[in-house]
């Protein structure tokens, strides 16, 4: 049996009408809309501590902007017209415990309406190796003068890390800085001279001294100078909190403030700083978190 609105008693009819008006208002403004969507995907499919992550969402073209909150970090999305997808790059700290974490995506439409999409993302624990390394004594037991230099380097790096552009400067896939085998992976636990233990937060390439080193993507050179541990070091700002660092170089081919394109020559490899021999150390830093360069180089980036 069905009833028309007029058949409902007056008081109940008024309450129902008010409820329908409120629901229509919420639908029009997008308020209170929180749901899951199967259109939100990520690369790589299996995520672990130390991994970069590229979130992608299929959404209507009428969207004006997409952003996300991921592990306390903000991610700005870009739109790929050829792929009809919004995408944003994030990362997972090496110290992140295995578990399930929320990614909260906000869609903003041209009329100002917003919609929120929430997904549960599983993170597993990665198995990282452990090695013992022998280096010069000064890198495990620095003198007072060397400690002063180390402290000064920390100040320089702190200023560099704060100067990242809010805009996305990178575009397209990330490319390897050299064509060479990997000699040490990201995440390796290192014991230096049986006294100092640290975590390898980059990717080492087995190259001899003087090998051309190239920018992994578009950006601006924030730093190109010698440091105590890093040796001759170049840091490139790719925007949105993303930096690439190139360590132990023998010669600089760029200056601070220079704009570079993906594949541009930036330096020659070497063995300066705390290094057991000539090689290139590539590190990727995203909003203060070091992530695995090997995974970043494999991610399929949508066309700009």
Protein backbone atom coordinates (compact mmCIF):
# COMPACT_ATOMS: atom_id res chain seq x y z
CA UNK A 1 0.00 0.00 0.00
CA UNK A 2 1.30 3.45 -0.87
CA UNK A 3 0.43 6.92 0.42
CA UNK A 4 0.66 10.34 -1.13
CA UNK A 5 2.20 13.20 0.82
CA UNK A 6 -1.28 14.71 1.32
CA UNK A 7 -2.52 11.56 3.07
CA UNK A 8 0.11 11.89 5.82
CA UNK A 9 -1.07 13.76 8.95
CA UNK A 10 -0.20 17.49 9.00
CA UNK A 11 2.51 17.44 11.69
CA UNK A 12 4.24 14.39 10.24
CA UNK A 13 3.96 15.88 6.75
CA UNK A 14 5.76 19.03 7.89
CA UNK A 15 8.52 16.98 9.56
CA UNK A 16 8.97 14.88 6.44
CA UNK A 17 9.11 17.98 4.26
CA UNK A 18 11.80 19.52 6.47
CA UNK A 19 13.80 16.29 6.33
CA UNK A 20 13.61 16.19 2.54
CA UNK A 21 14.72 19.84 2.32
CA UNK A 22 17.69 19.15 4.62
CA UNK A 23 18.73 16.10 2.58
CA UNK A 24 18.49 18.10 -0.65
CA UNK A 25 20.66 20.84 0.87
CA UNK A 26 23.34 18.37 1.97
CA UNK A 27 23.35 16.76 -1.46
CA UNK A 28 23.66 20.12 -3.22
CA UNK A 29 26.51 21.36 -1.02
CA UNK A 30 28.31 18.04 -0.65
CA UNK A 31 28.35 18.42 3.16
CA UNK A 32 28.41 15.25 5.17
CA UNK A 33 29.42 13.18 2.17
CA UNK A 34 32.02 10.63 3.20
CA UNK A 35 32.29 7.39 1.28
CA UNK A 36 34.64 4.93 -0.27
CA UNK A 37 35.25 4.77 -3.97
CA UNK A 38 36.64 1.92 -6.09
CA UNK A 39 38.18 4.50 -8.43
CA UNK A 40 40.99 5.40 -6.00
CA UNK A 41 44.09 3.33 -6.77
CA UNK A 42 47.80 3.50 -5.97
CA UNK A 43 51.24 2.45 -7.16
CA UNK A 44 52.88 0.20 -6.19
CA UNK A 45 49.92 -2.04 -5.39
CA UNK A 46 51.72 -3.56 -2.38
CA UNK A 47 53.02 -0.86 -0.02
CA UNK A 48 55.68 -1.16 2.67
CA UNK A 49 57.61 1.13 5.01
CA UNK A 50 60.04 3.28 3.02
CA UNK A 51 58.01 3.18 -0.19
CA UNK A 52 56.85 6.10 -2.32
CA UNK A 53 53.19 5.94 -3.34
CA UNK A 54 51.36 7.48 -6.29
CA UNK A 55 47.64 7.88 -5.63
CA UNK A 56 45.38 8.03 -8.69
CA UNK A 57 41.66 8.73 -8.91
CA UNK A 58 39.31 8.63 -11.86
CA UNK A 59 37.02 11.61 -11.51
CA UNK A 60 34.77 13.79 -13.69
CA UNK A 61 36.39 16.61 -15.63
CA UNK A 62 34.21 19.16 -13.80
CA UNK A 63 36.41 18.76 -10.72
CA UNK A 64 38.40 21.88 -9.93
CA UNK A 65 40.91 20.39 -7.48
CA UNK A 66 41.82 17.22 -5.61
CA UNK A 67 43.87 16.95 -2.42
CA UNK A 68 44.53 14.29 0.18
CA UNK A 69 45.73 13.81 3.74
CA UNK A 70 48.06 10.84 4.15
CA UNK A 71 49.84 10.00 7.40
CA UNK A 72 49.65 13.60 8.54
CA UNK A 73 50.97 14.95 5.23
CA UNK A 74 49.10 16.97 2.61
CA UNK A 75 49.16 15.84 -1.01
CA UNK A 76 48.18 18.07 -3.94
CA UNK A 77 46.91 16.26 -7.03
CA UNK A 78 47.48 17.14 -10.69
CA UNK A 79 45.18 16.31 -13.59
CA UNK A 80 46.27 14.28 -16.60
CA UNK A 81 43.97 15.07 -19.53
CA UNK A 82 45.28 12.22 -21.75
CA UNK A 83 44.69 9.63 -19.00
CA UNK A 84 41.66 11.42 -17.49
CA UNK A 85 43.02 10.86 -14.00
CA UNK A 86 44.07 12.94 -11.01
CA UNK A 87 47.35 11.88 -9.37
CA UNK A 88 49.39 12.83 -6.32
CA UNK A 89 52.74 11.62 -4.99
CA UNK A 90 53.34 10.69 -1.36
CA UNK A 91 55.60 8.52 0.76
CA UNK A 92 55.86 6.17 3.74
CA UNK A 93 58.55 6.56 6.39
CA UNK A 94 61.00 3.75 7.12
CA UNK A 95 59.78 3.86 10.73
CA UNK A 96 56.12 3.28 9.82
CA UNK A 97 54.76 0.17 11.54
CA UNK A 98 52.85 -2.44 9.53
CA UNK A 99 49.10 -1.88 9.66
CA UNK A 100 46.15 -0.22 7.96
CA UNK A 101 46.10 3.53 7.41
CA UNK A 102 43.49 5.97 6.04
CA UNK A 103 44.00 8.13 2.99
CA UNK A 104 41.40 10.90 2.95
CA UNK A 105 40.83 12.51 -0.45
CA UNK A 106 38.86 15.75 -0.94
CA UNK A 107 37.35 16.60 -4.31
CA UNK A 108 36.47 20.25 -4.97
CA UNK A 109 34.01 21.05 -7.75
CA UNK A 110 33.76 24.24 -9.79
CA UNK A 111 30.63 25.33 -7.88
CA UNK A 112 32.50 25.06 -4.57
CA UNK A 113 30.90 21.78 -3.54
CA UNK A 114 33.24 19.24 -1.94
CA UNK A 115 33.17 15.49 -1.53
CA UNK A 116 35.35 13.34 0.69
CA UNK A 117 36.59 9.87 -0.20
CA UNK A 118 38.19 7.60 2.41
CA UNK A 119 40.10 4.38 1.76
CA UNK A 120 41.92 1.95 4.01
CA UNK A 121 45.48 1.27 2.83
CA UNK A 122 47.45 -1.74 4.06
CA UNK A 123 51.17 -1.36 4.73
CA UNK A 124 53.42 -4.37 5.29
CA UNK A 125 56.88 -4.47 6.85
CA UNK A 126 59.77 -4.58 4.39
CA UNK A 127 62.76 -6.85 4.99
CA UNK A 128 65.94 -4.76 4.78
CA UNK A 129 69.48 -6.23 4.92
CA UNK A 130 72.24 -5.42 7.42
CA UNK A 131 75.92 -4.97 6.57
CA UNK A 132 79.19 -3.94 8.25
CA UNK A 133 81.15 -1.10 6.64
CA UNK A 134 84.72 0.12 7.18
CA UNK A 135 85.39 3.84 6.70
CA UNK A 136 88.05 6.33 7.79
CA UNK A 137 88.10 6.89 11.58
CA UNK A 138 87.21 10.57 11.20
CA UNK A 139 83.68 9.57 10.07
CA UNK A 140 82.98 7.58 13.26
CA UNK A 141 85.11 9.57 15.72
CA UNK A 142 85.28 13.12 14.32
CA UNK A 143 87.53 15.72 15.96
CA UNK A 144 86.15 18.90 17.53
CA UNK A 145 86.95 20.82 14.35
CA UNK A 146 85.12 18.21 12.28
CA UNK A 147 82.18 18.28 14.69
CA UNK A 148 81.95 22.02 14.07
CA UNK A 149 81.87 21.39 10.31
CA UNK A 150 79.21 18.71 10.78
CA UNK A 151 77.07 21.11 12.83
CA UNK A 152 77.42 23.80 10.16
CA UNK A 153 76.35 21.29 7.50
CA UNK A 154 73.23 20.46 9.51
CA UNK A 155 72.29 24.14 9.54
CA UNK A 156 72.80 24.41 5.77
CA UNK A 157 70.70 21.31 5.11
CA UNK A 158 67.92 22.52 7.42
CA UNK A 159 67.62 25.76 5.42
CA UNK A 160 67.72 23.87 2.12
CA UNK A 161 65.01 21.44 3.23
CA UNK A 162 62.76 24.35 4.23
CA UNK A 163 63.09 26.09 0.85
CA UNK A 164 61.08 23.59 -1.19
CA UNK A 165 58.62 25.03 -3.72
CA UNK A 166 54.93 24.48 -3.00
CA UNK A 167 54.27 24.02 -6.71
CA UNK A 168 54.90 20.78 -8.59
CA UNK A 169 58.03 21.19 -10.73
CA UNK A 170 58.49 17.55 -11.77
CA UNK A 171 56.68 16.07 -14.75
CA UNK A 172 56.42 12.58 -16.17
CA UNK A 173 58.43 9.53 -15.14
CA UNK A 174 61.54 9.74 -12.99
CA UNK A 175 64.71 8.56 -14.73
CA UNK A 176 67.87 6.96 -13.33
CA UNK A 177 70.74 9.44 -12.82
CA UNK A 178 73.26 6.99 -14.32
CA UNK A 179 73.17 3.77 -16.31
CA UNK A 180 74.87 1.33 -13.94
CA UNK A 181 74.18 -1.63 -11.62
CA UNK A 182 72.96 -0.99 -8.07
CA UNK A 183 75.66 -1.69 -5.46
CA UNK A 184 73.61 -1.09 -2.29
CA UNK A 185 69.87 -0.88 -1.78
CA UNK A 186 67.68 1.48 0.18
CA UNK A 187 67.02 0.63 3.83
CA UNK A 188 70.20 -1.34 4.56
CA UNK A 189 71.18 -1.22 8.24
CA UNK A 190 74.86 -0.22 8.39
CA UNK A 191 77.36 -0.73 11.20
CA UNK A 192 80.35 1.55 10.70
CA UNK A 193 83.62 0.30 12.20
CA UNK A 194 81.58 -1.72 14.72
CA UNK A 195 80.60 1.49 16.52
CA UNK A 196 78.09 3.57 14.61
CA UNK A 197 74.92 2.09 13.19
CA UNK A 198 72.73 3.93 10.67
CA UNK A 199 70.14 3.23 8.03
CA UNK A 200 71.03 3.61 4.34
CA UNK A 201 68.44 6.09 3.10
CA UNK A 202 69.34 6.03 -0.58
CA UNK A 203 70.31 3.92 -3.56
CA UNK A 204 73.96 3.36 -4.53
CA UNK A 205 75.05 2.93 -8.14
CA UNK A 206 78.35 1.20 -8.95
CA UNK A 207 80.07 3.82 -11.10
CA UNK A 208 83.70 4.84 -11.35
CA UNK A 209 84.94 8.39 -10.75
CA UNK A 210 84.05 10.94 -13.42
CA UNK A 211 80.81 9.27 -14.57
CA UNK A 212 78.20 11.82 -15.78
CA UNK A 213 75.31 12.22 -13.32
CA UNK A 214 71.92 13.43 -14.57
CA UNK A 215 68.85 15.01 -12.94
CA UNK A 216 66.10 12.46 -12.34
CA UNK A 217 63.35 14.99 -13.18
CA UNK A 218 62.67 18.72 -13.66
CA UNK A 219 63.47 21.07 -10.81
CA UNK A 220 65.69 23.78 -9.34
CA UNK A 221 69.15 23.26 -7.81
CA UNK A 222 68.96 24.22 -4.13
CA UNK A 223 72.45 23.12 -3.14
CA UNK A 224 75.72 22.35 -4.91
CA UNK A 225 78.62 22.37 -2.44
CA UNK A 226 80.92 20.08 -0.39
CA UNK A 227 79.63 18.61 2.89
CA UNK A 228 81.42 16.52 5.55
CA UNK A 229 79.52 13.23 5.32
CA UNK A 230 77.90 13.69 1.90
CA UNK A 231 81.04 14.90 0.15
CA UNK A 232 80.32 17.04 -2.91
CA UNK A 233 76.53 17.15 -2.90
CA UNK A 234 73.76 18.38 -5.19
CA UNK A 235 70.15 18.82 -4.03
CA UNK A 236 67.35 19.43 -6.53
CA UNK A 237 63.92 20.75 -5.56
CA UNK A 238 61.15 19.05 -7.57
CA UNK A 239 58.34 20.87 -5.76
CA UNK A 240 55.58 19.80 -3.34
CA UNK A 241 58.15 18.69 -0.75
CA UNK A 242 60.06 16.39 -3.10
CA UNK A 243 63.87 16.57 -3.24
CA UNK A 244 66.55 14.47 -4.92
CA UNK A 245 70.06 14.32 -3.41
CA UNK A 246 73.23 13.22 -5.23
CA UNK A 247 76.22 12.43 -2.96
CA UNK A 248 79.98 11.75 -3.10
CA UNK A 249 80.45 13.69 -6.37
CA UNK A 250 83.85 14.63 -7.80
CA UNK A 251 82.78 17.69 -9.79
CA UNK A 252 79.77 20.02 -10.04
CA UNK A 253 78.22 20.85 -13.42
CA UNK A 254 75.45 23.10 -12.07
CA UNK A 255 75.19 26.03 -9.69
CA UNK A 256 72.67 26.77 -6.96
CA UNK A 257 69.53 28.40 -8.32
CA UNK A 258 69.81 26.83 -11.78
CA UNK A 259 66.68 25.31 -13.35
CA UNK A 260 67.24 21.80 -14.71
CA UNK A 261 65.26 19.42 -16.88
CA UNK A 262 64.99 15.68 -16.56
CA UNK A 263 68.21 14.09 -17.85
CA UNK A 264 70.33 17.28 -17.65
CA UNK A 265 73.99 16.83 -16.65
CA UNK A 266 74.46 18.06 -13.08
CA UNK A 267 77.74 16.51 -11.86
CA UNK A 268 80.41 13.83 -12.17
CA UNK A 269 80.52 10.91 -9.75
CA UNK A 270 83.29 10.38 -7.22
CA UNK A 271 84.12 9.07 -3.75
CA UNK A 272 84.12 12.23 -1.59
CA UNK A 273 82.75 12.32 1.98
CA UNK A 274 81.93 9.20 3.99
CA UNK A 275 82.29 6.65 1.19
CA UNK A 276 84.09 3.33 0.95
CA UNK A 277 84.99 4.07 -2.67
CA UNK A 278 83.73 5.79 -5.83
CA UNK A 279 79.98 5.43 -6.39
CA UNK A 280 76.84 7.53 -6.70
CA UNK A 281 74.41 7.75 -3.80
CA UNK A 282 70.91 8.90 -4.81
CA UNK A 283 68.45 9.84 -2.07
CA UNK A 284 64.82 10.95 -2.37
CA UNK A 285 63.24 13.06 0.36
CA UNK A 286 59.49 13.72 0.44
CA UNK A 287 58.16 16.18 3.06
CA UNK A 288 60.93 15.18 5.47
CA UNK A 289 60.62 11.44 4.78
CA UNK A 290 63.27 9.47 2.88
CA UNK A 291 61.74 7.03 0.40
CA UNK A 292 63.07 4.25 -1.82
CA UNK A 293 64.46 5.64 -5.11
CA UNK A 294 64.33 2.22 -6.80
CA UNK A 295 60.55 2.11 -6.43
CA UNK A 296 60.10 5.73 -7.53
CA UNK A 297 62.02 5.02 -10.74
CA UNK A 298 59.56 2.21 -11.58
CA UNK A 299 56.30 4.09 -10.96
CA UNK A 300 54.25 4.77 -14.09
CA UNK A 301 53.47 8.50 -14.00
CA UNK A 302 50.39 9.68 -15.97
CA UNK A 303 51.06 11.93 -18.96
CA UNK A 304 51.04 15.65 -18.15
